[in-house]
Amino acid sequence: MAQETSGITASGLKLQTFKRDDATVIQCSGALISANAAALKTYVKDATPHARRIVLDLNEVSRMDSVGLGTIVGLYVTARKAKCELALINYNKSIKELLGITNLLSIFEDCARTGIRFP
């Protein structure tokens, strides 16, 4: 069972953290764009030292720009350095296309395959 532990809202992006099995799940809602990417970066970096696995649930992310994408890539690198896994789940078609165009899709699909099951 998932248990909510914290959350924030910043410039149209809502972030909620849940503990589920062996993962810290961060549910993102809204647009992941330049106006709020720093909030995601800070939020995830604060969770990284306390987690072995962070899952970004992008089910309710309506759009993502290049700054949002860059933020996710930076978080992936930071997590790896901290011996933490960062995975993306439930991303929409436009985010999948953006990951594909930038040749990042295979990295995040591999992470998601090892993953956690969500209803």
PDB file of N, CA and C in Angstrom:
ATOM      1  N   MET A   1       0.836  -1.180   0.000  1.00  0.00           N
ATOM      2  CA  MET A   1       0.000   0.000   0.000  1.00  0.00           C
ATOM      3  C   MET A   1       0.883   1.246   0.000  1.00  0.00           C
ATOM      4  N   ALA A   2       0.507   2.225  -0.766  1.00  0.00           N
ATOM      5  CA  ALA A   2       1.272   3.465  -0.867  1.00  0.00           C
ATOM      6  C   ALA A   2       0.896   4.382   0.284  1.00  0.00           C
ATOM      7  N   GLN A   3       1.886   5.106   0.770  1.00  0.00           N
ATOM      8  CA  GLN A   3       1.666   6.044   1.847  1.00  0.00           C
ATOM      9  C   GLN A   3       2.242   7.389   1.422  1.00  0.00           C
ATOM     10  N   GLU A   4       1.402   8.435   1.398  1.00  0.00           N
ATOM     11  CA  GLU A   4       1.891   9.761   1.032  1.00  0.00           C
ATOM     12  C   GLU A   4       2.732  10.309   2.175  1.00  0.00           C
ATOM     13  N   THR A   5       3.863  10.883   1.832  1.00  0.00           N
ATOM     14  CA  THR A   5       4.736  11.426   2.866  1.00  0.00           C
ATOM     15  C   THR A   5       4.896  12.935   2.769  1.00  0.00           C
ATOM     16  N   SER A   6       4.817  13.511   1.570  1.00  0.00           N
ATOM     17  CA  SER A   6       4.973  14.959   1.440  1.00  0.00           C
ATOM     18  C   SER A   6       4.536  15.416   0.057  1.00  0.00           C
ATOM     19  N   GLY A   7       4.504  16.732  -0.135  1.00  0.00           N
ATOM     20  CA  GLY A   7       4.150  17.269  -1.439  1.00  0.00           C
ATOM     21  C   GLY A   7       4.337  18.774  -1.490  1.00  0.00           C
ATOM     22  N   ILE A   8       4.456  19.300  -2.721  1.00  0.00           N
ATOM     23  CA  ILE A   8       4.567  20.747  -2.942  1.00  0.00           C
ATOM     24  C   ILE A   8       3.859  21.110  -4.241  1.00  0.00           C
ATOM     25  N   THR A   9       3.578  22.392  -4.425  1.00  0.00           N
ATOM     26  CA  THR A   9       3.075  22.924  -5.685  1.00  0.00           C
ATOM     27  C   THR A   9       3.933  24.138  -6.043  1.00  0.00           C
ATOM     28  N   ALA A  10       4.414  24.164  -7.311  1.00  0.00           N
ATOM     29  CA  ALA A  10       5.271  25.267  -7.745  1.00  0.00           C
ATOM     30  C   ALA A  10       4.957  25.626  -9.188  1.00  0.00           C
ATOM     31  N   SER A  11       4.451  26.814  -9.418  1.00  0.00           N
ATOM     32  CA  SER A  11       4.212  27.348 -10.769  1.00  0.00           C
ATOM     33  C   SER A  11       3.567  26.356 -11.728  1.00  0.00           C
ATOM     34  N   GLY A  12       2.478  25.749 -11.309  1.00  0.00           N
ATOM     35  CA  GLY A  12       1.754  24.856 -12.203  1.00  0.00           C
ATOM     36  C   GLY A  12       2.234  23.414 -12.192  1.00  0.00           C
ATOM     37  N   LEU A  13       3.132  23.063 -11.303  1.00  0.00           N
ATOM     38  CA  LEU A  13       3.598  21.682 -11.168  1.00  0.00           C
ATOM     39  C   LEU A  13       3.369  21.246  -9.735  1.00  0.00           C
ATOM     40  N   LYS A  14       2.624  20.168  -9.579  1.00  0.00           N
ATOM     41  CA  LYS A  14       2.350  19.624  -8.252  1.00  0.00           C
ATOM     42  C   LYS A  14       3.149  18.334  -8.099  1.00  0.00           C
ATOM     43  N   LEU A  15       3.836  18.196  -6.976  1.00  0.00           N
ATOM     44  CA  LEU A  15       4.651  17.021  -6.699  1.00  0.00           C
ATOM     45  C   LEU A  15       4.206  16.404  -5.384  1.00  0.00           C
ATOM     46  N   GLN A  16       3.949  15.108  -5.394  1.00  0.00           N
ATOM     47  CA  GLN A  16       3.586  14.383  -4.189  1.00  0.00           C
ATOM     48  C   GLN A  16       4.476  13.158  -4.084  1.00  0.00           C
ATOM     49  N   THR A  17       4.923  12.874  -2.884  1.00  0.00           N
ATOM     50  CA  THR A  17       5.796  11.730  -2.655  1.00  0.00           C
ATOM     51  C   THR A  17       5.040  10.636  -1.924  1.00  0.00           C
ATOM     52  N   PHE A  18       5.222   9.420  -2.416  1.00  0.00           N
ATOM     53  CA  PHE A  18       4.653   8.238  -1.795  1.00  0.00           C
ATOM     54  C   PHE A  18       5.768   7.222  -1.591  1.00  0.00           C
ATOM     55  N   LYS A  19       5.698   6.466  -0.538  1.00  0.00           N
ATOM     56  CA  LYS A  19       6.584   5.320  -0.358  1.00  0.00           C
ATOM     57  C   LYS A  19       5.802   4.099  -0.813  1.00  0.00           C
ATOM     58  N   ARG A  20       6.421   3.318  -1.688  1.00  0.00           N
ATOM     59  CA  ARG A  20       5.746   2.117  -2.180  1.00  0.00           C
ATOM     60  C   ARG A  20       6.797   1.036  -2.358  1.00  0.00           C
ATOM     61  N   ASP A  21       6.615  -0.057  -1.643  1.00  0.00           N
ATOM     62  CA  ASP A  21       7.568  -1.155  -1.654  1.00  0.00           C
ATOM     63  C   ASP A  21       8.965  -0.600  -1.357  1.00  0.00           C
ATOM     64  N   ASP A  22       9.901  -0.806  -2.259  1.00  0.00           N
ATOM     65  CA  ASP A  22      11.276  -0.348  -2.034  1.00  0.00           C
ATOM     66  C   ASP A  22      11.573   0.975  -2.734  1.00  0.00           C
ATOM     67  N   ALA A  23      10.536   1.693  -3.155  1.00  0.00           N
ATOM     68  CA  ALA A  23      10.746   2.897  -3.963  1.00  0.00           C
ATOM     69  C   ALA A  23      10.115   4.132  -3.331  1.00  0.00           C
ATOM     70  N   THR A  24      10.713   5.267  -3.649  1.00  0.00           N
ATOM     71  CA  THR A  24      10.112   6.560  -3.372  1.00  0.00           C
ATOM     72  C   THR A  24       9.492   7.014  -4.685  1.00  0.00           C
ATOM     73  N   VAL A  25       8.183   7.124  -4.703  1.00  0.00           N
ATOM     74  CA  VAL A  25       7.454   7.493  -5.911  1.00  0.00           C
ATOM     75  C   VAL A  25       7.081   8.965  -5.821  1.00  0.00           C
ATOM     76  N   ILE A  26       7.478   9.718  -6.841  1.00  0.00           N
ATOM     77  CA  ILE A  26       7.125  11.133  -6.903  1.00  0.00           C
ATOM     78  C   ILE A  26       6.135  11.307  -8.044  1.00  0.00           C
ATOM     79  N   GLN A  27       4.912  11.604  -7.676  1.00  0.00           N
ATOM     80  CA  GLN A  27       3.850  11.792  -8.658  1.00  0.00           C
ATOM     81  C   GLN A  27       3.852  13.255  -9.089  1.00  0.00           C
ATOM     82  N   CYS A  28       3.998  13.471 -10.390  1.00  0.00           N
ATOM     83  CA  CYS A  28       4.071  14.818 -10.952  1.00  0.00           C
ATOM     84  C   CYS A  28       2.760  15.132 -11.678  1.00  0.00           C
ATOM     85  N   SER A  29       2.228  16.321 -11.463  1.00  0.00           N
ATOM     86  CA  SER A  29       1.004  16.762 -12.117  1.00  0.00           C
ATOM     87  C   SER A  29       1.204  18.175 -12.650  1.00  0.00           C
ATOM     88  N   GLY A  30       0.767  18.412 -13.888  1.00  0.00           N
ATOM     89  CA  GLY A  30       0.883  19.736 -14.487  1.00  0.00           C
ATOM     90  C   GLY A  30       1.886  19.726 -15.623  1.00  0.00           C
ATOM     91  N   ALA A  31       2.490  20.866 -15.872  1.00  0.00           N
ATOM     92  CA  ALA A  31       3.465  21.004 -16.953  1.00  0.00           C
ATOM     93  C   ALA A  31       4.867  21.053 -16.361  1.00  0.00           C
ATOM     94  N   LEU A  32       5.766  20.269 -16.927  1.00  0.00           N
ATOM     95  CA  LEU A  32       7.168  20.276 -16.506  1.00  0.00           C
ATOM     96  C   LEU A  32       7.934  21.139 -17.510  1.00  0.00           C
ATOM     97  N   ILE A  33       8.008  22.425 -17.183  1.00  0.00           N
ATOM     98  CA  ILE A  33       8.580  23.418 -18.098  1.00  0.00           C
ATOM     99  C   ILE A  33       9.609  24.270 -17.360  1.00  0.00           C
ATOM    100  N   SER A  34      10.244  25.180 -18.080  1.00  0.00           N
ATOM    101  CA  SER A  34      11.316  25.996 -17.510  1.00  0.00           C
ATOM    102  C   SER A  34      10.886  26.757 -16.259  1.00  0.00           C
ATOM    103  N   ALA A  35       9.636  27.155 -16.182  1.00  0.00           N
ATOM    104  CA  ALA A  35       9.156  27.934 -15.037  1.00  0.00           C
ATOM    105  C   ALA A  35       9.176  27.155 -13.723  1.00  0.00           C
ATOM    106  N   ASN A  36       9.145  25.828 -13.798  1.00  0.00           N
ATOM    107  CA  ASN A  36       9.075  25.062 -12.560  1.00  0.00           C
ATOM    108  C   ASN A  36      10.062  23.891 -12.481  1.00  0.00           C
ATOM    109  N   ALA A  37      10.933  23.749 -13.457  1.00  0.00           N
ATOM    110  CA  ALA A  37      11.882  22.635 -13.472  1.00  0.00           C
ATOM    111  C   ALA A  37      12.808  22.667 -12.256  1.00  0.00           C
ATOM    112  N   ALA A  38      13.174  23.849 -11.800  1.00  0.00           N
ATOM    113  CA  ALA A  38      14.057  23.957 -10.628  1.00  0.00           C
ATOM    114  C   ALA A  38      13.400  23.364  -9.384  1.00  0.00           C
ATOM    115  N   ALA A  39      12.077  23.502  -9.283  1.00  0.00           N
ATOM    116  CA  ALA A  39      11.365  22.933  -8.133  1.00  0.00           C
ATOM    117  C   ALA A  39      11.456  21.410  -8.156  1.00  0.00           C
ATOM    118  N   LEU A  40      11.307  20.814  -9.333  1.00  0.00           N
ATOM    119  CA  LEU A  40      11.443  19.357  -9.447  1.00  0.00           C
ATOM    120  C   LEU A  40      12.863  18.935  -9.090  1.00  0.00           C
ATOM    121  N   LYS A  41      13.828  19.660  -9.603  1.00  0.00           N
ATOM    122  CA  LYS A  41      15.238  19.340  -9.342  1.00  0.00           C
ATOM    123  C   LYS A  41      15.531  19.345  -7.843  1.00  0.00           C
ATOM    124  N   THR A  42      15.121  20.384  -7.164  1.00  0.00           N
ATOM    125  CA  THR A  42      15.350  20.489  -5.720  1.00  0.00           C
ATOM    126  C   THR A  42      14.614  19.389  -4.970  1.00  0.00           C
ATOM    127  N   TYR A  43      13.384  19.156  -5.348  1.00  0.00           N
ATOM    128  CA  TYR A  43      12.536  18.165  -4.668  1.00  0.00           C
ATOM    129  C   TYR A  43      13.133  16.766  -4.785  1.00  0.00           C
ATOM    130  N   VAL A  44      13.549  16.382  -5.983  1.00  0.00           N
ATOM    131  CA  VAL A  44      14.100  15.045  -6.186  1.00  0.00           C
ATOM    132  C   VAL A  44      15.483  14.933  -5.552  1.00  0.00           C
ATOM    133  N   LYS A  45      16.301  15.961  -5.690  1.00  0.00           N
ATOM    134  CA  LYS A  45      17.636  15.916  -5.069  1.00  0.00           C
ATOM    135  C   LYS A  45      17.544  15.780  -3.558  1.00  0.00           C
ATOM    136  N   ASP A  46      16.544  16.386  -2.938  1.00  0.00           N
ATOM    137  CA  ASP A  46      16.348  16.250  -1.495  1.00  0.00           C
ATOM    138  C   ASP A  46      15.972  14.815  -1.115  1.00  0.00           C
ATOM    139  N   ALA A  47      15.290  14.114  -2.000  1.00  0.00           N
ATOM    140  CA  ALA A  47      14.874  12.732  -1.732  1.00  0.00           C
ATOM    141  C   ALA A  47      15.975  11.716  -2.038  1.00  0.00           C
ATOM    142  N   THR A  48      16.907  12.066  -2.910  1.00  0.00           N
ATOM    143  CA  THR A  48      17.917  11.118  -3.390  1.00  0.00           C
ATOM    144  C   THR A  48      18.768  10.483  -2.288  1.00  0.00           C
ATOM    145  N   PRO A  49      19.282  11.229  -1.326  1.00  0.00           N
ATOM    146  CA  PRO A  49      20.128  10.584  -0.320  1.00  0.00           C
ATOM    147  C   PRO A  49      19.389   9.570   0.553  1.00  0.00           C
ATOM    148  N   HIS A  50      18.075   9.659   0.594  1.00  0.00           N
ATOM    149  CA  HIS A  50      17.273   8.802   1.465  1.00  0.00           C
ATOM    150  C   HIS A  50      16.623   7.639   0.725  1.00  0.00           C
ATOM    151  N   ALA A  51      16.910   7.496  -0.559  1.00  0.00           N
ATOM    152  CA  ALA A  51      16.222   6.472  -1.357  1.00  0.00           C
ATOM    153  C   ALA A  51      17.226   5.669  -2.176  1.00  0.00           C
ATOM    154  N   ARG A  52      16.903   4.413  -2.370  1.00  0.00           N
ATOM    155  CA  ARG A  52      17.692   3.581  -3.277  1.00  0.00           C
ATOM    156  C   ARG A  52      17.065   3.580  -4.664  1.00  0.00           C
ATOM    157  N   ARG A  53      15.788   3.926  -4.713  1.00  0.00           N
ATOM    158  CA  ARG A  53      15.063   3.931  -5.975  1.00  0.00           C
ATOM    159  C   ARG A  53      14.041   5.052  -5.964  1.00  0.00           C
ATOM    160  N   ILE A  54      14.091   5.915  -6.989  1.00  0.00           N
ATOM    161  CA  ILE A  54      13.115   6.991  -7.139  1.00  0.00           C
ATOM    162  C   ILE A  54      12.391   6.771  -8.458  1.00  0.00           C
ATOM    163  N   VAL A  55      11.078   6.805  -8.387  1.00  0.00           N
ATOM    164  CA  VAL A  55      10.241   6.619  -9.567  1.00  0.00           C
ATOM    165  C   VAL A  55       9.460   7.910  -9.792  1.00  0.00           C
ATOM    166  N   LEU A  56       9.645   8.513 -10.964  1.00  0.00           N
ATOM    167  CA  LEU A  56       8.864   9.691 -11.333  1.00  0.00           C
ATOM    168  C   LEU A  56       7.653   9.222 -12.117  1.00  0.00           C
ATOM    169  N   ASP A  57       6.481   9.401 -11.538  1.00  0.00           N
ATOM    170  CA  ASP A  57       5.231   9.038 -12.193  1.00  0.00           C
ATOM    171  C   ASP A  57       4.734  10.263 -12.954  1.00  0.00           C
ATOM    172  N   LEU A  58       4.814  10.200 -14.277  1.00  0.00           N
ATOM    173  CA  LEU A  58       4.470  11.337 -15.132  1.00  0.00           C
ATOM    174  C   LEU A  58       3.065  11.231 -15.723  1.00  0.00           C
ATOM    175  N   ASN A  59       2.216  10.415 -15.128  1.00  0.00           N
ATOM    176  CA  ASN A  59       0.878  10.177 -15.650  1.00  0.00           C
ATOM    177  C   ASN A  59       0.079  11.460 -15.848  1.00  0.00           C
ATOM    178  N   GLU A  60       0.239  12.406 -14.950  1.00  0.00           N
ATOM    179  CA  GLU A  60      -0.555  13.637 -15.021  1.00  0.00           C
ATOM    180  C   GLU A  60       0.256  14.837 -15.514  1.00  0.00           C
ATOM    181  N   VAL A  61       1.389  14.590 -16.170  1.00  0.00           N
ATOM    182  CA  VAL A  61       2.170  15.676 -16.760  1.00  0.00           C
ATOM    183  C   VAL A  61       1.621  15.952 -18.150  1.00  0.00           C
ATOM    184  N   SER A  62       1.124  17.147 -18.351  1.00  0.00           N
ATOM    185  CA  SER A  62       0.474  17.498 -19.611  1.00  0.00           C
ATOM    186  C   SER A  62       1.471  17.813 -20.718  1.00  0.00           C
ATOM    187  N   ARG A  63       2.622  18.385 -20.350  1.00  0.00           N
ATOM    188  CA  ARG A  63       3.657  18.670 -21.350  1.00  0.00           C
ATOM    189  C   ARG A  63       4.997  18.871 -20.666  1.00  0.00           C
ATOM    190  N   MET A  64       6.053  18.737 -21.484  1.00  0.00           N
ATOM    191  CA  MET A  64       7.403  18.914 -20.976  1.00  0.00           C
ATOM    192  C   MET A  64       8.213  19.612 -22.060  1.00  0.00           C
ATOM    193  N   ASP A  65       8.979  20.623 -21.666  1.00  0.00           N
ATOM    194  CA  ASP A  65       9.840  21.318 -22.628  1.00  0.00           C
ATOM    195  C   ASP A  65      11.283  20.837 -22.464  1.00  0.00           C
ATOM    196  N   SER A  66      12.192  21.465 -23.199  1.00  0.00           N
ATOM    197  CA  SER A  66      13.593  21.031 -23.178  1.00  0.00           C
ATOM    198  C   SER A  66      14.236  21.225 -21.807  1.00  0.00           C
ATOM    199  N   VAL A  67      13.815  22.238 -21.069  1.00  0.00           N
ATOM    200  CA  VAL A  67      14.368  22.452 -19.726  1.00  0.00           C
ATOM    201  C   VAL A  67      13.894  21.339 -18.788  1.00  0.00           C
ATOM    202  N   GLY A  68      12.642  20.948 -18.913  1.00  0.00           N
ATOM    203  CA  GLY A  68      12.128  19.828 -18.124  1.00  0.00           C
ATOM    204  C   GLY A  68      12.875  18.544 -18.440  1.00  0.00           C
ATOM    205  N   LEU A  69      13.115  18.308 -19.724  1.00  0.00           N
ATOM    206  CA  LEU A  69      13.876  17.135 -20.147  1.00  0.00           C
ATOM    207  C   LEU A  69      15.299  17.186 -19.589  1.00  0.00           C
ATOM    208  N   GLY A  70      15.936  18.339 -19.698  1.00  0.00           N
ATOM    209  CA  GLY A  70      17.289  18.496 -19.167  1.00  0.00           C
ATOM    210  C   GLY A  70      17.338  18.265 -17.665  1.00  0.00           C
ATOM    211  N   THR A  71      16.307  18.690 -16.975  1.00  0.00           N
ATOM    212  CA  THR A  71      16.230  18.475 -15.533  1.00  0.00           C
ATOM    213  C   THR A  71      16.162  16.991 -15.210  1.00  0.00           C
ATOM    214  N   ILE A  72      15.353  16.254 -15.957  1.00  0.00           N
ATOM    215  CA  ILE A  72      15.244  14.811 -15.724  1.00  0.00           C
ATOM    216  C   ILE A  72      16.575  14.114 -16.011  1.00  0.00           C
ATOM    217  N   VAL A  73      17.250  14.510 -17.061  1.00  0.00           N
ATOM    218  CA  VAL A  73      18.559  13.920 -17.380  1.00  0.00           C
ATOM    219  C   VAL A  73      19.556  14.227 -16.259  1.00  0.00           C
ATOM    220  N   GLY A  74      19.568  15.465 -15.789  1.00  0.00           N
ATOM    221  CA  GLY A  74      20.448  15.838 -14.687  1.00  0.00           C
ATOM    222  C   GLY A  74      20.153  15.047 -13.422  1.00  0.00           C
ATOM    223  N   LEU A  75      18.873  14.821 -13.150  1.00  0.00           N
ATOM    224  CA  LEU A  75      18.484  14.031 -11.981  1.00  0.00           C
ATOM    225  C   LEU A  75      18.910  12.571 -12.128  1.00  0.00           C
ATOM    226  N   TYR A  76      18.841  12.069 -13.342  1.00  0.00           N
ATOM    227  CA  TYR A  76      19.289  10.701 -13.616  1.00  0.00           C
ATOM    228  C   TYR A  76      20.787  10.564 -13.299  1.00  0.00           C
ATOM    229  N   VAL A  77      21.573  11.520 -13.738  1.00  0.00           N
ATOM    230  CA  VAL A  77      23.020  11.500 -13.485  1.00  0.00           C
ATOM    231  C   VAL A  77      23.297  11.622 -11.985  1.00  0.00           C
ATOM    232  N   THR A  78      22.618  12.539 -11.320  1.00  0.00           N
ATOM    233  CA  THR A  78      22.789  12.728  -9.884  1.00  0.00           C
ATOM    234  C   THR A  78      22.426  11.451  -9.122  1.00  0.00           C
ATOM    235  N   ALA A  79      21.332  10.830  -9.508  1.00  0.00           N
ATOM    236  CA  ALA A  79      20.900   9.596  -8.845  1.00  0.00           C
ATOM    237  C   ALA A  79      21.930   8.489  -9.027  1.00  0.00           C
ATOM    238  N   ARG A  80      22.428   8.341 -10.228  1.00  0.00           N
ATOM    239  CA  ARG A  80      23.437   7.296 -10.475  1.00  0.00           C
ATOM    240  C   ARG A  80      24.679   7.510  -9.632  1.00  0.00           C
ATOM    241  N   LYS A  81      25.118   8.754  -9.519  1.00  0.00           N
ATOM    242  CA  LYS A  81      26.294   9.052  -8.692  1.00  0.00           C
ATOM    243  C   LYS A  81      26.053   8.709  -7.227  1.00  0.00           C
ATOM    244  N   ALA A  82      24.799   8.828  -6.786  1.00  0.00           N
ATOM    245  CA  ALA A  82      24.430   8.535  -5.403  1.00  0.00           C
ATOM    246  C   ALA A  82      24.035   7.074  -5.220  1.00  0.00           C
ATOM    247  N   LYS A  83      24.272   6.243  -6.239  1.00  0.00           N
ATOM    248  CA  LYS A  83      23.908   4.822  -6.208  1.00  0.00           C
ATOM    249  C   LYS A  83      22.411   4.631  -5.984  1.00  0.00           C
ATOM    250  N   CYS A  84      21.649   5.484  -6.635  1.00  0.00           N
ATOM    251  CA  CYS A  84      20.193   5.468  -6.573  1.00  0.00           C
ATOM    252  C   CYS A  84      19.675   5.304  -7.998  1.00  0.00           C
ATOM    253  N   GLU A  85      18.626   4.545  -8.160  1.00  0.00           N
ATOM    254  CA  GLU A  85      18.030   4.356  -9.486  1.00  0.00           C
ATOM    255  C   GLU A  85      16.917   5.383  -9.689  1.00  0.00           C
ATOM    256  N   LEU A  86      16.871   5.990 -10.865  1.00  0.00           N
ATOM    257  CA  LEU A  86      15.793   6.904 -11.223  1.00  0.00           C
ATOM    258  C   LEU A  86      15.053   6.305 -12.407  1.00  0.00           C
ATOM    259  N   ALA A  87      13.747   6.132 -12.259  1.00  0.00           N
ATOM    260  CA  ALA A  87      12.931   5.559 -13.328  1.00  0.00           C
ATOM    261  C   ALA A  87      11.760   6.478 -13.626  1.00  0.00           C
ATOM    262  N   LEU A  88      11.315   6.450 -14.876  1.00  0.00           N
ATOM    263  CA  LEU A  88      10.127   7.193 -15.304  1.00  0.00           C
ATOM    264  C   LEU A  88       9.036   6.190 -15.636  1.00  0.00           C
ATOM    265  N   ILE A  89       7.819   6.487 -15.218  1.00  0.00           N
ATOM    266  CA  ILE A  89       6.689   5.638 -15.571  1.00  0.00           C
ATOM    267  C   ILE A  89       5.517   6.508 -16.012  1.00  0.00           C
ATOM    268  N   ASN A  90       4.615   5.881 -16.726  1.00  0.00           N
ATOM    269  CA  ASN A  90       3.335   6.493 -17.106  1.00  0.00           C
ATOM    270  C   ASN A  90       3.458   7.801 -17.880  1.00  0.00           C
ATOM    271  N   TYR A  91       4.480   7.927 -18.724  1.00  0.00           N
ATOM    272  CA  TYR A  91       4.602   9.152 -19.507  1.00  0.00           C
ATOM    273  C   TYR A  91       3.713   9.051 -20.744  1.00  0.00           C
ATOM    274  N   ASN A  92       3.223  10.204 -21.202  1.00  0.00           N
ATOM    275  CA  ASN A  92       2.305  10.236 -22.333  1.00  0.00           C
ATOM    276  C   ASN A  92       3.051  10.140 -23.666  1.00  0.00           C
ATOM    277  N   LYS A  93       2.292  10.118 -24.735  1.00  0.00           N
ATOM    278  CA  LYS A  93       2.864   9.940 -26.070  1.00  0.00           C
ATOM    279  C   LYS A  93       3.841  11.064 -26.444  1.00  0.00           C
ATOM    280  N   SER A  94       3.505  12.311 -26.113  1.00  0.00           N
ATOM    281  CA  SER A  94       4.396  13.417 -26.492  1.00  0.00           C
ATOM    282  C   SER A  94       5.714  13.362 -25.719  1.00  0.00           C
ATOM    283  N   ILE A  95       5.672  12.956 -24.460  1.00  0.00           N
ATOM    284  CA  ILE A  95       6.908  12.817 -23.687  1.00  0.00           C
ATOM    285  C   ILE A  95       7.722  11.643 -24.225  1.00  0.00           C
ATOM    286  N   LYS A  96       7.041  10.572 -24.588  1.00  0.00           N
ATOM    287  CA  LYS A  96       7.738   9.418 -25.173  1.00  0.00           C
ATOM    288  C   LYS A  96       8.432   9.821 -26.475  1.00  0.00           C
ATOM    289  N   GLU A  97       7.752  10.610 -27.293  1.00  0.00           N
ATOM    290  CA  GLU A  97       8.353  11.090 -28.541  1.00  0.00           C
ATOM    291  C   GLU A  97       9.556  11.992 -28.278  1.00  0.00           C
ATOM    292  N   LEU A  98       9.457  12.866 -27.279  1.00  0.00           N
ATOM    293  CA  LEU A  98      10.571  13.741 -26.917  1.00  0.00           C
ATOM    294  C   LEU A  98      11.773  12.909 -26.445  1.00  0.00           C
ATOM    295  N   LEU A  99      11.523  11.896 -25.636  1.00  0.00           N
ATOM    296  CA  LEU A  99      12.598  11.002 -25.199  1.00  0.00           C
ATOM    297  C   LEU A  99      13.200  10.248 -26.383  1.00  0.00           C
ATOM    298  N   GLY A 100      12.359   9.867 -27.343  1.00  0.00           N
ATOM    299  CA  GLY A 100      12.835   9.159 -28.522  1.00  0.00           C
ATOM    300  C   GLY A 100      13.684  10.036 -29.429  1.00  0.00           C
ATOM    301  N   ILE A 101      13.246  11.250 -29.674  1.00  0.00           N
ATOM    302  CA  ILE A 101      13.976  12.185 -30.532  1.00  0.00           C
ATOM    303  C   ILE A 101      15.369  12.466 -29.973  1.00  0.00           C
ATOM    304  N   THR A 102      15.472  12.510 -28.659  1.00  0.00           N
ATOM    305  CA  THR A 102      16.746  12.835 -28.007  1.00  0.00           C
ATOM    306  C   THR A 102      17.563  11.580 -27.662  1.00  0.00           C
ATOM    307  N   ASN A 103      17.111  10.428 -28.151  1.00  0.00           N
ATOM    308  CA  ASN A 103      17.795   9.142 -27.906  1.00  0.00           C
ATOM    309  C   ASN A 103      17.901   8.790 -26.426  1.00  0.00           C
ATOM    310  N   LEU A 104      16.959   9.224 -25.629  1.00  0.00           N
ATOM    311  CA  LEU A 104      16.938   8.908 -24.202  1.00  0.00           C
ATOM    312  C   LEU A 104      15.896   7.852 -23.851  1.00  0.00           C
ATOM    313  N   LEU A 105      15.047   7.522 -24.802  1.00  0.00           N
ATOM    314  CA  LEU A 105      13.957   6.599 -24.524  1.00  0.00           C
ATOM    315  C   LEU A 105      14.467   5.246 -24.043  1.00  0.00           C
ATOM    316  N   SER A 106      15.497   4.726 -24.675  1.00  0.00           N
ATOM    317  CA  SER A 106      15.992   3.400 -24.294  1.00  0.00           C
ATOM    318  C   SER A 106      16.518   3.389 -22.864  1.00  0.00           C
ATOM    319  N   ILE A 107      17.119   4.471 -22.424  1.00  0.00           N
ATOM    320  CA  ILE A 107      17.622   4.544 -21.048  1.00  0.00           C
ATOM    321  C   ILE A 107      16.470   4.450 -20.062  1.00  0.00           C
ATOM    322  N   PHE A 108      15.434   5.236 -20.289  1.00  0.00           N
ATOM    323  CA  PHE A 108      14.335   5.261 -19.337  1.00  0.00           C
ATOM    324  C   PHE A 108      13.400   4.067 -19.496  1.00  0.00           C
ATOM    325  N   GLU A 109      13.282   3.493 -20.674  1.00  0.00           N
ATOM    326  CA  GLU A 109      12.486   2.273 -20.818  1.00  0.00           C
ATOM    327  C   GLU A 109      13.148   1.123 -20.089  1.00  0.00           C
ATOM    328  N   ASP A 110      14.472   1.029 -20.161  1.00  0.00           N
ATOM    329  CA  ASP A 110      15.183  -0.017 -19.432  1.00  0.00           C
ATOM    330  C   ASP A 110      14.966   0.121 -17.938  1.00  0.00           C
ATOM    331  N   CYS A 111      14.994   1.344 -17.437  1.00  0.00           N
ATOM    332  CA  CYS A 111      14.758   1.575 -16.013  1.00  0.00           C
ATOM    333  C   CYS A 111      13.347   1.150 -15.624  1.00  0.00           C
ATOM    334  N   ALA A 112      12.377   1.484 -16.447  1.00  0.00           N
ATOM    335  CA  ALA A 112      10.993   1.176 -16.131  1.00  0.00           C
ATOM    336  C   ALA A 112      10.713  -0.322 -16.172  1.00  0.00           C
ATOM    337  N   ARG A 113      11.407  -1.045 -17.035  1.00  0.00           N
ATOM    338  CA  ARG A 113      11.190  -2.486 -17.146  1.00  0.00           C
ATOM    339  C   ARG A 113      11.568  -3.241 -15.877  1.00  0.00           C
ATOM    340  N   THR A 114      12.549  -2.740 -15.137  1.00  0.00           N
ATOM    341  CA  THR A 114      12.996  -3.437 -13.946  1.00  0.00           C
ATOM    342  C   THR A 114      12.055  -3.204 -12.786  1.00  0.00           C
ATOM    343  N   GLY A 115      11.057  -2.432 -13.043  1.00  0.00           N
ATOM    344  CA  GLY A 115      10.295  -1.743 -12.077  1.00  0.00           C
ATOM    345  C   GLY A 115       9.220  -2.329 -11.261  1.00  0.00           C
ATOM    346  N   ILE A 116       8.553  -1.417 -10.803  1.00  0.00           N
ATOM    347  CA  ILE A 116       7.519  -1.498  -9.824  1.00  0.00           C
ATOM    348  C   ILE A 116       6.187  -1.657 -10.540  1.00  0.00           C
ATOM    349  N   ARG A 117       5.280  -2.297  -9.961  1.00  0.00           N
ATOM    350  CA  ARG A 117       3.967  -2.461 -10.592  1.00  0.00           C
ATOM    351  C   ARG A 117       2.978  -1.496  -9.961  1.00  0.00           C
ATOM    352  N   PHE A 118       2.262  -0.824 -10.822  1.00  0.00           N
ATOM    353  CA  PHE A 118       1.235   0.100 -10.371  1.00  0.00           C
ATOM    354  C   PHE A 118      -0.084  -0.287 -11.014  1.00  0.00           C
ATOM    355  N   PRO A 119      -1.143  -0.123 -10.284  1.00  0.00           N
ATOM    356  CA  PRO A 119      -2.460  -0.435 -10.873  1.00  0.00           C
ATOM    357  C   PRO A 119      -2.824   0.540 -11.960  1.00  0.00           C
TER     358      PRO A 119
END
